[in-house]
Structure formats: C-alpha cells, structure tokens
Amino acid sequence: MAKAAPTDTRGRHLRDLRISVTDRCNLRCSYCMPADVFGPDYRFLPRAEILTYEELARLARIFAGLGVVKLRITGGEPLLRRDLPQLIAQLRAVPGIEDIALTTNGLLLPAMARELKAAGLNRVTISLDSLSDATFGRMNGKGVGVAPVLKAVDVAMQTGFAPVKINMVVQRGVNDTEIEAMAERWRGTGVIARFIEYMDVGTTNGWRMTDVTPAREIVARIHARWPLVNADPNYPGEVAGRWRYADGQGEIGVISSVTNTFCGDCTRARLSARGELFTCLFAAAGHDLRALVRNGQDDAAIADAIAALWQARDDRYSELRAANAAPVPKAEMSYLGG
C-alpha cells in the first residue's frame, strides 16, 4: 500500500527522481569533471559500491509509492553503464512511473538508441555546449568535435524520442558568443535548445559569478533576432523557463538557478550511483539508502526513512547564494548526477 506523498518543510512534494548509474565519464568537461582533478589517477567508485539494477528498480518502486512519477537517468555518462536498457526495462515496469528520461553527452547513443527506446525510454537530453569544434573540444576536455553529438541528435530524432533537448551550459568569455547560433541551429527542427546558466555545482570547477551569462540576457539576445513569447510550464516545478518563437518555429528553455532561483517549487531528489539520497543539487552530503537496501530492511521501512528525510528537507541553496550567504562545501555534479 502506497504511503501518503510527503511534503518538505516548505510544502514541496517529491515528484522527480534523478538516478545516477555511474560516476565515470568519457569526457572531462571543465564545468563538471575538469581533467586536472579527474585525471588518470582519480579513483572512481568500485563496482561493488554501486547499486545494482535490481537495487535501483526496488528503490524506484519505493519512491513511486511516495509520489515520484518522473525518472531521469544520469551520471557521469550513463551510457557507460553496461546493459543500461535492462535497467530502463525494469524501471518501465514500476507502477506509477509516467516518464523516463536520459541525460547524455551522446557519444555512445547511436549504438544504443533503438534498444533504449524498445526498453521504454521516453526522452533524451543531449549536452552540446558549442557548435565550434575548437570551442567544444576545449570545453569537453578531450578535443571531441561536434559531429558525433550532431549524429546522436539525428539518431535520437529518427528513433522517436520526443522531445529531444539540447543542453548548452553558457559561460561568459567561453561560449556566450554562440547563443544566437545555437538557437538558430535548432529553430524549426523540433529539437528544444536549453540554455543553462553556469552553476557553482561542486567545488572543482573554479566557478565565479562573473562567469555567468544571466538568463535575462540570453532571452533578450534571442528575442532580438526571433521574437519570443513566454510559455507556461509543462508541469509544476519544471526546471527550465519556456519561451516559444512567435513565428511558430518551436521553443527554447532557459535554466536560471543562479539569477532567478526556483527553489520554492523544487520537487527533485537525486540518487547517487552509490545509493545516497541528495535532496538538493548543491548538497554537501547525501543520506545512505544503500545500507538500508543491503542490510535487509523491508520496503515499508525504507519508505518511512525516505519520507522522513523529505519531510525534514529545507534546502534552498540558490536562494541563499542570491542573498550572498557564505559559500558551503558541495558534492561534485559528476557524483550525484545533474
């Protein structure tokens, strides 16, 4: 029997769960896994510490009983996890789950797209920070060009994932001159370009406020070329602000957690590959669910523990940052999932 859906100290429901399946990645993007930190000697999680697919599916069922309806598979790079479609199939069988999405850099997607779709994956979001091979190569830390990612987008569209979204992390002085070019590339294609303010996730990316290109500037620049009309959220707590092109050529999204915080209606929890529950993207530490799973606790006990953690939740990091509160230590995004 499902428990009553918990709310936190600010009245926010638990609706979205982001599941990290690995802390490894085949790129070294400067804002997430900078190569000088995540080098050849970096110690990633050993296999025994990572939740199995059966453990993840069990936790997903428990979270669904608490009100979760949307799942997003993240990493690291989730497609590095072996036999990922098997997990998607198990998650698709969970009663109450309405939507399963995947965030990926796209490099491995063409070889796996059909199998992922057949397993029940609904949507994909692909990271692409530049249309310039030189800029993109510098940002991803591996010199990878744009062509493999564009191929992944094409394959995702052909496979029937809908909608396909592109995530561009905008950094002042790095790729902010390409905002209009990115918008133009996906206008009228059915792909939704999403522009993300450079965030201070973790502590290794050297974030500074001066590196942020504000959402209002992003919208204004695109609007100057192709008039935009504000669109309502698809659902309560949606991350991206939505803007439609006035001429009907699709829409863009803008994620503004630095300059226009949206903590007040955040419905997202994150499960690390190690089985730790993070109640905020900017949290310093998680809560160990793996121990409960592996120490013989039944579903009801684990559900009670999760509900208690959510009910005590008071996270509002972005609001505190905006109020110039002192910085705090934070877990790395590659560890807890974006």
Protein backbone atom coordinates (compact mmCIF):
# COMPACT_ATOMS: atom_id res chain seq x y z
CA MET A 1 0.00 0.00 0.00
CA ALA A 2 1.41 3.36 -1.02
CA LYS A 3 2.21 5.88 1.69
CA ALA A 4 0.80 9.37 1.63
CA ALA A 5 3.01 11.58 -0.55
CA PRO A 6 5.32 13.51 1.78
CA THR A 7 5.93 17.24 1.64
CA ASP A 8 9.01 19.03 2.94
CA THR A 9 9.25 21.98 5.33
CA ARG A 10 8.32 24.37 2.52
CA GLY A 11 5.37 22.33 1.26
CA ARG A 12 7.21 20.87 -1.73
CA HIS A 13 6.16 17.43 -2.93
CA LEU A 14 8.50 14.66 -4.07
CA ARG A 15 7.75 14.13 -7.77
CA ASP A 16 11.05 13.72 -9.66
CA LEU A 17 13.92 11.33 -9.01
CA ARG A 18 17.27 11.58 -10.81
CA ILE A 19 19.19 8.33 -10.74
CA SER A 20 22.94 8.38 -11.30
CA VAL A 21 24.11 4.99 -12.56
CA THR A 22 27.85 5.75 -12.69
CA ASP A 23 30.35 8.38 -11.58
CA ARG A 24 32.51 7.77 -14.67
CA CYS A 25 32.51 9.78 -17.90
CA ASN A 26 34.28 9.62 -21.25
CA LEU A 27 34.64 13.43 -21.37
CA ARG A 28 36.21 15.92 -18.99
CA CYS A 29 34.03 19.00 -19.28
CA SER A 30 35.57 21.90 -17.41
CA TYR A 31 32.40 22.80 -15.51
CA CYS A 32 31.75 19.23 -14.33
CA MET A 33 34.80 16.93 -14.36
CA PRO A 34 37.87 19.10 -15.04
CA ALA A 35 40.76 16.98 -16.28
CA ASP A 36 43.25 18.39 -13.79
CA VAL A 37 41.13 16.92 -10.97
CA PHE A 38 39.64 13.85 -12.64
CA GLY A 39 42.90 12.63 -14.14
CA PRO A 40 44.33 9.16 -14.82
CA ASP A 41 44.93 8.53 -11.11
CA TYR A 42 41.47 9.58 -9.95
CA ARG A 43 39.75 6.79 -8.01
CA PHE A 44 36.22 6.19 -9.23
CA LEU A 45 33.73 4.03 -7.34
CA PRO A 46 34.49 0.30 -7.43
CA ARG A 47 31.75 -1.88 -8.89
CA ALA A 48 30.79 -3.40 -5.52
CA GLU A 49 29.86 0.04 -4.16
CA ILE A 50 27.49 0.87 -7.00
CA LEU A 51 23.84 -0.09 -6.75
CA THR A 52 22.79 -3.00 -8.95
CA TYR A 53 19.92 -2.62 -11.39
CA GLU A 54 17.72 -4.71 -9.12
CA GLU A 55 18.50 -2.42 -6.20
CA LEU A 56 17.80 0.67 -8.30
CA ALA A 57 14.50 -0.75 -9.53
CA ARG A 58 13.48 -1.60 -5.98
CA LEU A 59 14.23 1.92 -4.81
CA ALA A 60 12.35 3.34 -7.79
CA ARG A 61 9.28 1.33 -6.75
CA ILE A 62 9.56 2.70 -3.23
CA PHE A 63 9.96 6.27 -4.48
CA ALA A 64 6.97 5.81 -6.80
CA GLY A 65 4.93 4.80 -3.76
CA LEU A 66 5.85 8.17 -2.24
CA GLY A 67 4.65 10.15 -5.24
CA VAL A 68 7.51 10.08 -7.74
CA VAL A 69 6.20 9.96 -11.33
CA LYS A 70 9.27 11.07 -13.33
CA LEU A 71 12.69 9.43 -13.51
CA ARG A 72 15.83 10.77 -15.16
CA ILE A 73 18.90 8.59 -15.68
CA THR A 74 22.15 10.50 -15.22
CA GLY A 75 25.86 10.06 -14.42
CA GLY A 76 28.70 10.67 -15.05
CA GLU A 77 27.90 9.44 -18.51
CA PRO A 78 25.08 6.92 -18.02
CA LEU A 79 25.66 5.11 -21.31
CA LEU A 80 28.98 3.86 -19.93
CA ARG A 81 27.00 1.61 -17.57
CA ARG A 82 26.83 -1.85 -19.11
CA ASP A 83 23.45 -3.15 -20.33
CA LEU A 84 21.63 0.07 -19.44
CA PRO A 85 18.50 -0.92 -21.41
CA GLN A 86 17.96 -3.67 -18.85
CA LEU A 87 17.57 -1.03 -16.16
CA ILE A 88 15.23 1.02 -18.34
CA ALA A 89 13.00 -2.04 -18.82
CA GLN A 90 12.89 -2.66 -15.07
CA LEU A 91 12.03 0.99 -14.38
CA ARG A 92 9.36 1.00 -17.07
CA ALA A 93 7.61 -1.83 -15.19
CA VAL A 94 7.32 0.24 -12.00
CA PRO A 95 3.67 1.19 -11.34
CA GLY A 96 3.12 4.94 -11.24
CA ILE A 97 6.14 5.97 -13.30
CA GLU A 98 4.90 8.12 -16.16
CA ASP A 99 8.12 9.32 -17.77
CA ILE A 100 11.72 8.10 -18.05
CA ALA A 101 14.35 10.42 -19.50
CA LEU A 102 18.12 10.24 -20.00
CA THR A 103 20.81 12.93 -19.91
CA THR A 104 23.85 12.04 -22.02
CA ASN A 105 26.77 13.52 -23.94
CA GLY A 106 25.51 11.47 -26.87
CA LEU A 107 28.77 9.83 -27.92
CA LEU A 108 27.51 6.30 -27.30
CA LEU A 109 23.85 6.95 -28.11
CA PRO A 110 23.73 5.95 -31.82
CA ALA A 111 24.70 2.37 -31.00
CA MET A 112 22.14 2.07 -28.19
CA ALA A 113 19.20 4.27 -29.18
CA ARG A 114 16.88 1.61 -30.59
CA GLU A 115 17.42 -0.75 -27.68
CA LEU A 116 16.83 2.04 -25.16
CA LYS A 117 13.63 3.07 -26.93
CA ALA A 118 12.38 -0.51 -27.04
CA ALA A 119 13.08 -0.85 -23.32
CA GLY A 120 10.82 2.10 -22.56
CA LEU A 121 12.95 5.24 -22.51
CA ASN A 122 10.77 8.23 -23.41
CA ARG A 123 13.12 11.16 -23.85
CA VAL A 124 16.78 12.13 -24.18
CA THR A 125 18.62 15.33 -23.36
CA ILE A 126 21.99 15.72 -25.07
CA SER A 127 24.74 18.04 -23.91
CA LEU A 128 26.25 20.31 -26.57
CA ASP A 129 27.96 23.48 -25.39
CA SER A 130 29.20 24.83 -28.72
CA LEU A 131 28.85 24.41 -32.47
CA SER A 132 32.54 25.18 -32.91
CA ASP A 133 34.84 22.15 -32.92
CA ALA A 134 37.62 24.17 -31.30
CA THR A 135 35.47 25.60 -28.51
CA PHE A 136 33.61 22.38 -27.88
CA GLY A 137 36.85 20.40 -27.81
CA ARG A 138 38.32 22.72 -25.20
CA MET A 139 35.20 22.63 -23.08
CA ASN A 140 34.84 18.85 -23.12
CA GLY A 141 38.50 18.39 -22.21
CA LYS A 142 39.05 15.62 -24.76
CA GLY A 143 39.16 17.50 -28.05
CA VAL A 144 35.98 15.78 -29.25
CA GLY A 145 34.35 17.62 -32.13
CA VAL A 146 30.73 18.48 -32.71
CA ALA A 147 29.95 15.90 -35.42
CA PRO A 148 29.43 12.87 -33.12
CA VAL A 149 26.97 14.81 -31.00
CA LEU A 150 25.05 16.06 -34.03
CA LYS A 151 24.84 12.45 -35.20
CA ALA A 152 23.43 11.47 -31.81
CA VAL A 153 20.74 14.15 -32.12
CA ASP A 154 19.79 12.88 -35.58
CA VAL A 155 19.60 9.30 -34.35
CA ALA A 156 17.54 10.32 -31.33
CA MET A 157 15.04 12.08 -33.59
CA GLN A 158 14.89 9.16 -36.01
CA THR A 159 14.38 6.70 -33.16
CA GLY A 160 11.32 8.58 -31.96
CA PHE A 161 12.42 10.10 -28.67
CA ALA A 162 10.26 13.16 -28.10
CA PRO A 163 11.07 15.79 -27.41
CA VAL A 164 14.83 15.75 -27.91
CA LYS A 165 16.53 18.52 -25.93
CA ILE A 166 19.97 20.10 -26.23
CA ASN A 167 21.67 21.45 -23.11
CA MET A 168 24.14 24.31 -23.53
CA VAL A 169 25.95 25.49 -20.40
CA VAL A 170 26.72 29.14 -21.14
CA GLN A 171 29.96 30.53 -19.74
CA ARG A 172 30.92 34.18 -20.14
CA GLY A 173 34.03 34.54 -22.25
CA VAL A 174 33.98 30.89 -23.28
CA ASN A 175 30.93 30.17 -25.44
CA ASP A 176 28.50 33.00 -24.77
CA THR A 177 29.03 34.43 -28.26
CA GLU A 178 27.29 31.34 -29.66
CA ILE A 179 23.88 31.80 -28.03
CA GLU A 180 22.19 33.02 -31.20
CA ALA A 181 23.94 30.40 -33.34
CA MET A 182 22.75 27.60 -31.07
CA ALA A 183 19.20 28.93 -31.14
CA GLU A 184 19.29 29.23 -34.93
CA ARG A 185 20.68 25.71 -35.38
CA TRP A 186 17.66 24.11 -33.69
CA ARG A 187 14.87 26.54 -34.64
CA GLY A 188 12.19 24.76 -36.60
CA THR A 189 13.73 21.29 -36.16
CA GLY A 190 11.59 20.01 -33.29
CA VAL A 191 14.66 19.96 -31.03
CA ILE A 192 14.42 22.16 -27.94
CA ALA A 193 17.59 24.11 -27.16
CA ARG A 194 18.02 24.78 -23.45
CA PHE A 195 20.45 27.42 -22.21
CA ILE A 196 21.81 26.85 -18.71
CA GLU A 197 23.41 29.47 -16.51
CA TYR A 198 26.87 28.30 -15.43
CA MET A 199 26.35 26.98 -11.90
CA ASP A 200 28.58 26.52 -8.87
CA VAL A 201 27.95 22.79 -8.58
CA GLY A 202 30.72 21.10 -6.61
CA THR A 203 33.99 22.81 -5.72
CA THR A 204 36.41 21.91 -8.51
CA ASN A 205 35.22 23.94 -11.49
CA GLY A 206 36.54 27.35 -10.37
CA TRP A 207 33.10 28.97 -10.58
CA ARG A 208 32.82 32.75 -10.32
CA MET A 209 29.73 34.92 -10.61
CA THR A 210 31.47 36.92 -13.34
CA ASP A 211 31.48 33.76 -15.50
CA VAL A 212 27.67 33.63 -15.52
CA THR A 213 25.69 34.85 -18.51
CA PRO A 214 22.32 35.76 -16.96
CA ALA A 215 19.13 34.18 -18.28
CA ARG A 216 17.61 37.59 -18.96
CA GLU A 217 20.49 38.40 -21.31
CA ILE A 218 20.16 35.05 -23.08
CA VAL A 219 16.45 35.59 -23.65
CA ALA A 220 16.92 39.20 -24.72
CA ARG A 221 19.56 38.31 -27.31
CA ILE A 222 17.49 35.57 -28.87
CA HIS A 223 14.33 37.70 -28.73
CA ALA A 224 16.14 40.47 -30.62
CA ARG A 225 16.64 38.09 -33.55
CA TRP A 226 13.48 35.98 -33.32
CA PRO A 227 10.71 37.38 -31.12
CA LEU A 228 9.81 35.14 -28.20
CA VAL A 229 6.60 34.66 -26.24
CA ASN A 230 6.66 33.37 -22.68
CA ALA A 231 5.09 29.91 -22.33
CA ASP A 232 3.53 28.26 -19.30
CA PRO A 233 5.39 25.40 -17.56
CA ASN A 234 4.55 21.91 -18.72
CA TYR A 235 4.14 20.87 -15.08
CA PRO A 236 4.66 22.34 -11.58
CA GLY A 237 8.32 22.54 -10.64
CA GLU A 238 9.66 22.41 -14.21
CA VAL A 239 13.35 23.33 -14.23
CA ALA A 240 13.50 25.41 -17.40
CA GLY A 241 11.61 28.57 -18.12
CA ARG A 242 9.90 28.11 -21.50
CA TRP A 243 9.80 30.57 -24.41
CA ARG A 244 8.09 29.97 -27.76
CA TYR A 245 9.13 31.58 -31.02
CA ALA A 246 6.38 33.99 -32.04
CA ASP A 247 6.54 32.67 -35.63
CA GLY A 248 5.76 29.12 -34.51
CA GLN A 249 9.24 27.68 -35.09
CA GLY A 250 9.42 25.82 -31.80
CA GLU A 251 10.67 26.83 -28.36
CA ILE A 252 13.70 27.27 -26.13
CA GLY A 253 14.27 26.65 -22.45
CA VAL A 254 16.36 28.72 -20.04
CA ILE A 255 17.57 27.34 -16.70
CA SER A 256 18.33 30.22 -14.36
CA SER A 257 19.20 28.76 -10.98
CA VAL A 258 21.79 31.49 -10.36
CA THR A 259 20.00 34.73 -11.22
CA ASN A 260 16.34 33.69 -10.96
CA THR A 261 16.16 30.94 -8.38
CA PHE A 262 13.38 28.35 -8.38
CA CYS A 263 13.97 26.61 -5.06
CA GLY A 264 10.42 27.37 -3.99
CA ASP A 265 8.81 24.71 -6.17
CA CYS A 266 11.67 22.20 -6.48
CA THR A 267 10.29 18.64 -6.49
CA ARG A 268 13.56 16.83 -7.31
CA ALA A 269 15.62 14.32 -5.39
CA ARG A 270 18.84 12.69 -6.56
CA LEU A 271 20.11 9.17 -6.00
CA SER A 272 23.85 8.74 -6.43
CA ALA A 273 25.35 5.63 -8.02
CA ARG A 274 26.48 4.68 -4.53
CA GLY A 275 22.93 4.82 -3.23
CA GLU A 276 22.99 8.13 -1.39
CA LEU A 277 19.90 10.33 -1.46
CA PHE A 278 20.65 14.01 -2.13
CA THR A 279 17.76 16.41 -1.58
CA CYS A 280 19.47 19.28 -3.43
CA LEU A 281 21.82 19.61 -6.39
CA PHE A 282 24.07 21.74 -4.20
CA ALA A 283 24.07 19.46 -1.15
CA ALA A 284 27.34 18.67 0.59
CA ALA A 285 26.38 15.13 1.60
CA GLY A 286 23.75 12.51 0.95
CA HIS A 287 21.82 10.02 3.05
CA ASP A 288 22.81 6.37 2.76
CA LEU A 289 19.97 4.30 1.31
CA ARG A 290 22.29 1.54 0.13
CA ALA A 291 22.83 0.43 3.72
CA LEU A 292 19.09 0.09 4.21
CA VAL A 293 18.74 -1.90 1.00
CA ARG A 294 21.65 -4.23 1.73
CA ASN A 295 21.00 -4.66 5.44
CA GLY A 296 17.67 -6.38 4.99
CA GLN A 297 15.23 -3.54 5.62
CA ASP A 298 11.82 -4.13 4.06
CA ASP A 299 10.19 -1.72 1.61
CA ALA A 300 7.99 -0.13 4.28
CA ALA A 301 10.97 0.70 6.48
CA ILE A 302 12.89 2.20 3.58
CA ALA A 303 9.83 4.21 2.52
CA ASP A 304 9.48 5.54 6.07
CA ALA A 305 13.15 6.57 6.08
CA ILE A 306 12.86 8.38 2.73
CA ALA A 307 9.65 10.11 3.78
CA ALA A 308 11.27 11.30 7.00
CA LEU A 309 14.26 12.69 5.10
CA TRP A 310 12.00 14.52 2.65
CA GLN A 311 9.76 15.90 5.39
CA ALA A 312 12.82 17.38 7.09
CA ARG A 313 14.11 18.90 3.85
CA ASP A 314 14.65 22.67 3.95
CA ASP A 315 17.10 23.07 1.03
CA ARG A 316 17.18 26.43 -0.70
CA TYR A 317 20.81 26.83 -1.68
CA SER A 318 20.22 29.02 -4.75
CA GLU A 319 18.14 31.46 -2.73
CA LEU A 320 20.88 31.67 -0.11
CA ARG A 321 23.51 32.22 -2.80
CA ALA A 322 21.43 35.04 -4.22
CA ALA A 323 21.29 36.55 -0.74
CA ASN A 324 25.13 36.50 -0.63
CA ALA A 325 25.33 33.85 2.05
CA ALA A 326 28.75 32.34 2.67
CA PRO A 327 29.74 29.52 0.27
CA VAL A 328 29.43 25.95 1.53
CA PRO A 329 31.14 22.69 0.50
CA LYS A 330 29.19 20.76 -2.14
CA ALA A 331 29.30 17.31 -3.70
CA GLU A 332 30.50 17.15 -7.30
CA MET A 333 27.83 17.02 -10.01
CA SER A 334 29.53 14.04 -11.65
CA TYR A 335 29.00 12.13 -8.40
CA LEU A 336 25.39 12.89 -7.60
CA GLY A 337 24.01 13.44 -11.11
CA GLY A 338 22.96 16.73 -12.70
